[in-house]
C-alpha cells in the first residue's frame, strides 16, 4: 500500500535544529529590547549636541539584527544538515542490513562500533535477530531435506516390494502384506510426528493446568510392555509438578522421553529413573537411563530433527523416525521451558525438562512406583 511522500528524517532534524537556533537568537534579541532599549528615552535633548534616542537606536539595530538572524538561519540549516547526517549514519547502516536480509542475505552483520547508545542497542538487537533467523533457517532447510528423504524412503520401499511381487507371482502374499503394513505404519508415524512438531512450533494450543507427575504415570503405563520386553526397570518417583500448557503435547513430551530412555538403554536389564518436582519456580521432569558412555558432541545434536544415536539398537516396533527428542525440544520451547541433555558419568543419558510452574489443582501428594 503506497504512502504519500514527505520530508525525510534528516530534513526534519535539520529544520528542527535551524528553527531552534533561530528561536533562541530571536529570544536573545527580545531580551535585549526589553532590558536595554526600553530604558532609552524616545528623544534626548542635550546642549552638548545630538544624542540618539530610542527610535534612532531601533533603526540602526533592526537591520543588523535581521542580518544576524538570517545568518543564524543559514548556519543552522547547514550545521543541522551535517549533524543530522552524522546522527543518522548508524540508522542508514541498519537499514542497509535490513535490505540485505530482505534479499535473503542473513549472514551480514552490522557490528556497529562506538559507545552504547540507542542506535548501538538497536544494531545489537538486529544482529542477534539475524543470527537467530539464520540459525533457524538453516535448521529448517536441514529439516526439509531430511524430511523429504525420510518420507521418500518408505514410499520407495513400498514401490520396490510391489514391483518384486508383480515380477514374482509365486511370492508369499502374506509376507508381502506384513512388510507393506510395516512400511506404511512407519510412514504414517513419521507424518504424524511432523504434524505434531509443526503444531508445537506454531504454539497453536490452549493452555490449562497440567501435572507432570500424572503424565509420567500415564506414559509409564503405556510403555510398560516395551520395558518388560527389553528387561528395563522403571523407577518413578517425585512430587506433583504443575505447569500450564497443552495436556496432549506435554503427554507426548513425557512419552517420548520415557520411550527414548527405554529404547536406548543398553545393555539389557538397565534402569530408567523418572523424577518430578517443583524446583526454583519450575516444574521439573528428570529422566535418567543407564547405558553406554555417550560422546558430548553427539548428545548436543540429539534434539535436532532426524538425529539418531548411530550405535543404538532398536526393535522394529519402536524404530523411530529421529523426531522423538526434536518434538520434546519443540514442546518445551513452546511452553517457555528449558531442556537440558547431559551424558551420565557411568554411561547413559540424563534429560531435564523444566517448565514454568503453575498452581496445582488436586492432590499434591507424592507418587512412587517401581516396575520391571
Protein backbone atom coordinates (compact mmCIF):
# COMPACT_ATOMS: atom_id res chain seq x y z
CA UNK A 1 0.00 0.00 0.00
CA UNK A 2 1.56 3.30 -1.14
CA UNK A 3 2.06 6.22 1.19
CA UNK A 4 2.26 9.92 0.32
CA UNK A 5 5.76 11.36 0.15
CA UNK A 6 7.08 13.62 2.86
CA UNK A 7 10.21 15.18 4.27
CA UNK A 8 13.00 12.82 5.20
CA UNK A 9 14.04 12.43 8.81
CA UNK A 10 17.28 14.24 8.01
CA UNK A 11 15.39 17.26 6.69
CA UNK A 12 13.08 17.22 9.68
CA UNK A 13 16.03 17.18 12.07
CA UNK A 14 17.77 19.91 10.05
CA UNK A 15 14.74 22.18 10.18
CA UNK A 16 14.33 21.42 13.87
CA UNK A 17 17.95 22.38 14.60
CA UNK A 18 17.74 25.55 12.50
CA UNK A 19 14.37 26.53 13.92
CA UNK A 20 15.54 26.04 17.49
CA UNK A 21 18.69 28.07 16.87
CA UNK A 22 16.69 30.85 15.19
CA UNK A 23 14.20 30.93 18.04
CA UNK A 24 16.99 31.10 20.62
CA UNK A 25 18.58 34.09 18.88
CA UNK A 26 15.22 35.82 18.44
CA UNK A 27 14.57 35.42 22.15
CA UNK A 28 18.00 36.88 22.84
CA UNK A 29 17.14 39.96 20.75
CA UNK A 30 13.81 40.30 22.54
CA UNK A 31 15.64 40.23 25.84
CA UNK A 32 17.98 42.99 24.59
CA UNK A 33 14.96 45.06 23.58
CA UNK A 34 13.11 44.55 26.84
CA UNK A 35 16.00 45.12 29.21
CA UNK A 36 18.11 47.65 27.33
CA UNK A 37 16.37 49.65 24.65
CA UNK A 38 13.26 50.29 26.73
CA UNK A 39 15.36 52.37 29.15
CA UNK A 40 16.47 54.69 26.33
CA UNK A 41 14.10 57.70 26.03
CA UNK A 42 12.31 58.45 22.79
CA UNK A 43 14.01 61.85 22.41
CA UNK A 44 17.11 63.14 24.10
CA UNK A 45 17.78 66.86 24.19
CA UNK A 46 21.22 67.86 25.26
CA UNK A 47 23.07 71.13 24.89
CA UNK A 48 26.14 69.07 24.07
CA UNK A 49 24.76 68.18 20.64
CA UNK A 50 22.99 65.22 19.03
CA UNK A 51 22.23 62.25 21.29
CA UNK A 52 20.49 59.25 19.63
CA UNK A 53 17.08 58.32 21.02
CA UNK A 54 15.19 55.01 21.11
CA UNK A 55 13.96 55.38 17.55
CA UNK A 56 17.44 56.09 16.25
CA UNK A 57 18.83 53.04 18.02
CA UNK A 58 15.99 50.87 16.76
CA UNK A 59 16.53 51.96 13.15
CA UNK A 60 20.22 51.20 13.45
CA UNK A 61 19.74 47.93 15.37
CA UNK A 62 16.88 46.34 13.39
CA UNK A 63 18.74 45.77 10.04
CA UNK A 64 21.75 44.35 11.81
CA UNK A 65 19.52 42.06 13.92
CA UNK A 66 17.70 40.86 10.79
CA UNK A 67 21.04 40.14 9.10
CA UNK A 68 22.22 38.26 12.15
CA UNK A 69 19.03 36.18 12.22
CA UNK A 70 19.39 35.40 8.51
CA UNK A 71 22.99 34.30 9.11
CA UNK A 72 21.91 32.19 12.08
CA UNK A 73 19.23 30.55 9.92
CA UNK A 74 21.75 29.66 7.19
CA UNK A 75 24.24 28.44 9.78
CA UNK A 76 21.51 26.39 11.47
CA UNK A 77 20.45 24.77 8.18
CA UNK A 78 23.99 23.87 7.12
CA UNK A 79 25.08 22.76 10.57
CA UNK A 80 21.81 20.93 11.19
CA UNK A 81 22.11 19.07 7.86
CA UNK A 82 25.64 17.97 8.74
CA UNK A 83 24.78 16.99 12.33
CA UNK A 84 21.63 15.15 11.27
CA UNK A 85 23.64 13.18 8.72
CA UNK A 86 26.18 12.20 11.36
CA UNK A 87 23.47 11.22 13.82
CA UNK A 88 21.51 9.17 11.26
CA UNK A 89 24.52 7.36 9.79
CA UNK A 90 24.03 4.29 12.06
CA UNK A 91 20.38 4.17 11.01
CA UNK A 92 21.41 4.01 7.37
CA UNK A 93 23.70 1.07 8.18
CA UNK A 94 20.84 -0.69 9.96
CA UNK A 95 18.55 0.00 7.00
CA UNK A 96 21.15 -1.39 4.60
CA UNK A 97 21.45 -4.55 6.67
CA UNK A 98 17.64 -4.89 6.69
CA UNK A 99 17.58 -4.62 2.87
CA UNK A 100 20.24 -7.32 2.57
CA UNK A 101 18.27 -9.55 4.95
CA UNK A 102 15.10 -8.96 2.93
CA UNK A 103 17.04 -10.00 -0.19
CA UNK A 104 18.00 -13.27 1.50
CA UNK A 105 21.48 -12.46 2.83
CA UNK A 106 21.25 -13.44 6.50
CA UNK A 107 24.99 -13.72 7.11
CA UNK A 108 25.52 -9.94 7.07
CA UNK A 109 26.03 -8.22 10.43
CA UNK A 110 26.01 -4.51 11.31
CA UNK A 111 28.72 -4.69 14.01
CA UNK A 112 28.14 -1.06 14.95
CA UNK A 113 31.13 0.39 16.77
CA UNK A 114 31.23 3.16 19.34
CA UNK A 115 29.76 3.66 22.80
CA UNK A 116 26.48 2.05 23.77
CA UNK A 117 23.55 4.30 22.88
CA UNK A 118 20.09 3.82 21.39
CA UNK A 119 21.44 3.12 17.89
CA UNK A 120 24.08 0.72 19.21
CA UNK A 121 21.43 -1.18 21.19
CA UNK A 122 19.17 -1.32 18.12
CA UNK A 123 22.04 -2.60 15.97
CA UNK A 124 22.98 -5.26 18.52
CA UNK A 125 19.37 -6.45 18.77
CA UNK A 126 19.14 -6.54 14.97
CA UNK A 127 22.38 -8.56 14.73
CA UNK A 128 21.09 -11.00 17.33
CA UNK A 129 17.80 -11.31 15.43
CA UNK A 130 19.67 -12.00 12.18
CA UNK A 131 21.77 -14.64 13.91
CA UNK A 132 18.68 -16.41 15.23
CA UNK A 133 16.88 -16.20 11.89
CA UNK A 134 19.95 -17.56 10.09
CA UNK A 135 20.23 -20.46 12.52
CA UNK A 136 16.50 -21.16 12.33
CA UNK A 137 16.53 -21.01 8.52
CA UNK A 138 19.48 -23.38 8.33
CA UNK A 139 17.73 -25.76 10.72
CA UNK A 140 14.54 -25.61 8.67
CA UNK A 141 16.46 -26.31 5.47
CA UNK A 142 18.11 -29.33 7.05
CA UNK A 143 14.75 -30.43 8.41
CA UNK A 144 13.07 -30.12 4.99
CA UNK A 145 15.87 -32.07 3.32
CA UNK A 146 15.80 -34.81 5.95
CA UNK A 147 12.00 -34.95 5.97
CA UNK A 148 11.86 -35.37 2.21
CA UNK A 149 14.43 -38.16 2.46
CA UNK A 150 12.64 -39.88 5.33
CA UNK A 151 9.28 -39.73 3.56
CA UNK A 152 10.79 -40.89 0.27
CA UNK A 153 12.33 -43.99 1.84
CA UNK A 154 9.11 -45.84 2.84
CA UNK A 155 7.50 -44.92 -0.46
CA UNK A 156 10.48 -46.29 -2.36
CA UNK A 157 10.42 -49.47 -0.29
CA UNK A 158 6.70 -49.95 -0.96
CA UNK A 159 7.20 -49.50 -4.69
CA UNK A 160 10.08 -52.00 -4.68
CA UNK A 161 8.01 -54.58 -2.82
CA UNK A 162 5.14 -54.17 -5.26
CA UNK A 163 7.46 -54.46 -8.25
CA UNK A 164 9.02 -57.63 -6.83
CA UNK A 165 5.58 -59.11 -6.19
CA UNK A 166 4.47 -58.29 -9.70
CA UNK A 167 7.56 -59.92 -11.22
CA UNK A 168 7.33 -62.96 -8.92
CA UNK A 169 3.74 -64.28 -8.83
CA UNK A 170 4.81 -67.15 -6.57
CA UNK A 171 5.90 -64.78 -3.79
CA UNK A 172 4.22 -65.20 -0.39
CA UNK A 173 1.39 -62.64 -0.35
CA UNK A 174 1.00 -62.68 3.43
CA UNK A 175 4.66 -61.80 3.93
CA UNK A 176 4.33 -59.01 1.39
CA UNK A 177 1.28 -57.59 3.16
CA UNK A 178 3.05 -57.69 6.51
CA UNK A 179 6.05 -55.80 5.15
CA UNK A 180 3.84 -53.27 3.36
CA UNK A 181 1.85 -52.69 6.52
CA UNK A 182 5.05 -52.15 8.48
CA UNK A 183 6.39 -49.67 5.94
CA UNK A 184 3.05 -47.87 5.75
CA UNK A 185 2.87 -47.65 9.54
CA UNK A 186 6.30 -46.08 9.64
CA UNK A 187 5.29 -43.50 7.01
CA UNK A 188 2.10 -42.65 8.92
CA UNK A 189 4.00 -42.29 12.20
CA UNK A 190 6.55 -40.06 10.53
CA UNK A 191 3.82 -37.85 9.05
CA UNK A 192 2.05 -37.60 12.40
CA UNK A 193 5.33 -36.70 14.08
CA UNK A 194 5.97 -33.96 11.52
CA UNK A 195 2.47 -32.54 12.06
CA UNK A 196 2.93 -32.63 15.83
CA UNK A 197 6.28 -30.89 15.51
CA UNK A 198 4.72 -28.19 13.36
CA UNK A 199 1.87 -27.73 15.85
CA UNK A 200 4.31 -27.29 18.73
CA UNK A 201 6.39 -24.79 16.75
CA UNK A 202 3.28 -22.70 15.98
CA UNK A 203 2.15 -22.78 19.64
CA UNK A 204 -1.40 -23.36 18.42
CA UNK A 205 -2.82 -24.84 21.61
CA UNK A 206 -4.92 -23.85 24.61
CA UNK A 207 -3.18 -23.64 27.98
CA UNK A 208 -4.58 -25.41 31.03
CA UNK A 209 -3.16 -26.65 34.36
CA UNK A 210 -1.21 -29.90 33.87
CA UNK A 211 0.52 -32.10 36.45
CA UNK A 212 3.72 -33.58 35.04
CA UNK A 213 3.72 -36.40 37.60
CA UNK A 214 0.38 -37.69 36.28
CA UNK A 215 1.63 -37.51 32.70
CA UNK A 216 4.70 -39.54 33.61
CA UNK A 217 2.48 -42.16 35.24
CA UNK A 218 0.38 -42.37 32.08
CA UNK A 219 3.46 -42.63 29.87
CA UNK A 220 4.84 -45.42 32.05
CA UNK A 221 1.57 -47.35 31.84
CA UNK A 222 1.68 -47.10 28.05
CA UNK A 223 5.32 -48.11 27.68
CA UNK A 224 5.45 -50.76 30.41
CA UNK A 225 5.12 -53.67 27.92
CA UNK A 226 8.08 -52.33 25.95
CA UNK A 227 10.15 -52.00 29.12
CA UNK A 228 9.25 -55.53 30.23
CA UNK A 229 10.13 -56.95 26.84
CA UNK A 230 13.53 -55.28 27.00
CA UNK A 231 14.10 -56.12 30.64
CA UNK A 232 14.34 -52.47 31.68
CA UNK A 233 13.25 -51.41 35.16
CA UNK A 234 11.19 -48.24 35.51
CA UNK A 235 11.60 -46.21 38.70
CA UNK A 236 9.03 -43.42 39.05
CA UNK A 237 9.14 -41.05 41.99
CA UNK A 238 8.66 -37.43 42.93
CA UNK A 239 6.00 -34.95 43.86
CA UNK A 240 3.28 -33.16 41.95
CA UNK A 241 4.74 -30.67 39.47
CA UNK A 242 2.11 -28.44 37.91
CA UNK A 243 2.61 -26.29 34.85
CA UNK A 244 0.34 -24.54 32.36
CA UNK A 245 0.10 -25.79 28.80
CA UNK A 246 -1.31 -28.35 26.40
CA UNK A 247 -2.04 -31.69 28.05
CA UNK A 248 -1.69 -33.75 24.83
CA UNK A 249 1.58 -32.08 23.85
CA UNK A 250 3.08 -32.44 27.32
CA UNK A 251 1.95 -36.08 27.42
CA UNK A 252 3.76 -36.66 24.12
CA UNK A 253 6.83 -34.96 25.62
CA UNK A 254 6.79 -37.29 28.65
CA UNK A 255 6.09 -40.35 26.48
CA UNK A 256 8.94 -39.55 24.10
CA UNK A 257 11.35 -39.03 26.98
CA UNK A 258 10.45 -42.34 28.62
CA UNK A 259 10.45 -44.23 25.31
CA UNK A 260 13.81 -42.74 24.34
CA UNK A 261 15.25 -43.81 27.70
CA UNK A 262 13.91 -47.36 27.32
CA UNK A 263 14.90 -47.89 23.68
CA UNK A 264 18.43 -46.54 24.16
CA UNK A 265 19.01 -48.41 27.42
CA UNK A 266 21.80 -50.81 26.51
CA UNK A 267 22.81 -53.37 27.51
CA UNK A 268 19.64 -55.15 28.65
CA UNK A 269 18.45 -55.15 32.29
CA UNK A 270 19.01 -51.44 32.56
CA UNK A 271 17.20 -48.86 34.64
CA UNK A 272 15.18 -45.73 33.82
CA UNK A 273 14.55 -43.25 36.62
CA UNK A 274 11.91 -40.53 36.36
CA UNK A 275 11.57 -37.72 38.92
CA UNK A 276 9.10 -34.85 39.07
CA UNK A 277 9.31 -31.92 41.43
CA UNK A 278 8.99 -28.15 41.69
CA UNK A 279 12.45 -26.63 41.79
CA UNK A 280 13.38 -22.93 41.74
CA UNK A 281 9.95 -21.91 40.48
CA UNK A 282 9.88 -24.53 37.72
CA UNK A 283 8.04 -27.81 37.25
CA UNK A 284 10.89 -30.21 36.56
CA UNK A 285 10.95 -33.68 34.99
CA UNK A 286 14.24 -35.60 35.22
CA UNK A 287 14.69 -38.76 33.14
CA UNK A 288 17.85 -40.86 33.65
CA UNK A 289 18.72 -44.05 31.85
CA UNK A 290 21.68 -46.37 32.13
CA UNK A 291 23.61 -47.40 29.05
CA UNK A 292 26.80 -46.89 27.13
CA UNK A 293 29.04 -43.86 27.55
CA UNK A 294 27.95 -41.06 25.22
CA UNK A 295 30.01 -38.51 23.34
CA UNK A 296 29.04 -34.98 24.49
CA UNK A 297 29.18 -33.81 20.86
CA UNK A 298 26.56 -36.43 19.94
CA UNK A 299 24.38 -35.50 22.92
CA UNK A 300 24.38 -31.84 21.82
CA UNK A 301 22.83 -32.86 18.47
CA UNK A 302 20.22 -35.32 19.70
CA UNK A 303 17.40 -32.75 19.78
CA UNK A 304 17.87 -31.85 16.10
CA UNK A 305 15.30 -33.40 13.73
CA UNK A 306 16.22 -36.84 12.39
CA UNK A 307 19.25 -37.18 14.65
CA UNK A 308 19.75 -40.71 15.96
CA UNK A 309 22.32 -42.43 18.08
CA UNK A 310 24.18 -44.32 15.37
CA UNK A 311 25.25 -47.16 17.60
CA UNK A 312 21.80 -47.80 19.10
CA UNK A 313 19.79 -50.96 18.61
CA UNK A 314 16.02 -50.72 18.14
CA UNK A 315 13.26 -53.17 17.53
CA UNK A 316 11.01 -52.80 14.51
CA UNK A 317 8.04 -51.68 16.57
CA UNK A 318 9.86 -48.70 18.01
CA UNK A 319 12.39 -47.98 15.29
CA UNK A 320 11.57 -44.28 15.48
CA UNK A 321 11.92 -41.56 12.88
CA UNK A 322 14.55 -39.48 14.63
CA UNK A 323 11.96 -36.93 15.75
CA UNK A 324 11.36 -38.00 19.34
CA UNK A 325 13.69 -35.58 21.09
CA UNK A 326 13.12 -32.92 18.42
CA UNK A 327 9.43 -32.99 19.37
CA UNK A 328 10.39 -32.81 23.04
CA UNK A 329 12.54 -29.75 22.34
CA UNK A 330 9.74 -28.04 20.40
CA UNK A 331 7.14 -28.79 23.08
CA UNK A 332 9.41 -27.47 25.82
CA UNK A 333 10.22 -24.32 23.82
CA UNK A 334 6.52 -23.78 23.06
CA UNK A 335 5.85 -23.85 26.82
CA UNK A 336 8.67 -21.36 27.54
CA UNK A 337 10.75 -24.00 29.28
CA UNK A 338 14.31 -25.30 29.06
CA UNK A 339 15.61 -28.72 28.03
CA UNK A 340 18.99 -30.00 29.19
CA UNK A 341 20.76 -33.13 27.97
CA UNK A 342 23.91 -34.43 29.62
CA UNK A 343 25.78 -37.75 29.49
CA UNK A 344 25.85 -39.60 32.82
CA UNK A 345 29.31 -40.29 34.29
CA UNK A 346 28.65 -44.04 34.43
CA UNK A 347 27.09 -44.20 30.97
CA UNK A 348 23.64 -43.37 29.72
CA UNK A 349 21.85 -40.05 29.50
CA UNK A 350 20.10 -37.56 31.77
CA UNK A 351 17.42 -35.30 30.31
CA UNK A 352 15.85 -32.49 32.34
CA UNK A 353 12.74 -30.63 31.19
CA UNK A 354 11.97 -27.52 33.27
CA UNK A 355 8.70 -25.69 32.64
CA UNK A 356 7.23 -22.62 34.36
CA UNK A 357 5.43 -23.79 37.49
CA UNK A 358 1.73 -23.13 37.99
CA UNK A 359 -0.77 -23.55 40.82
CA UNK A 360 -1.71 -27.19 41.25
CA UNK A 361 -5.35 -28.20 41.33
CA UNK A 362 -5.84 -31.53 43.07
CA UNK A 363 -3.89 -33.77 45.41
CA UNK A 364 -0.28 -32.57 45.77
CA UNK A 365 0.88 -35.84 47.33
CA UNK A 366 3.89 -37.69 46.05
CA UNK A 367 3.59 -40.78 43.89
CA UNK A 368 6.24 -43.50 43.85
CA UNK A 369 6.37 -46.72 41.87
CA UNK A 370 8.92 -49.17 40.52
CA UNK A 371 8.21 -51.60 37.69
CA UNK A 372 10.07 -54.34 35.86
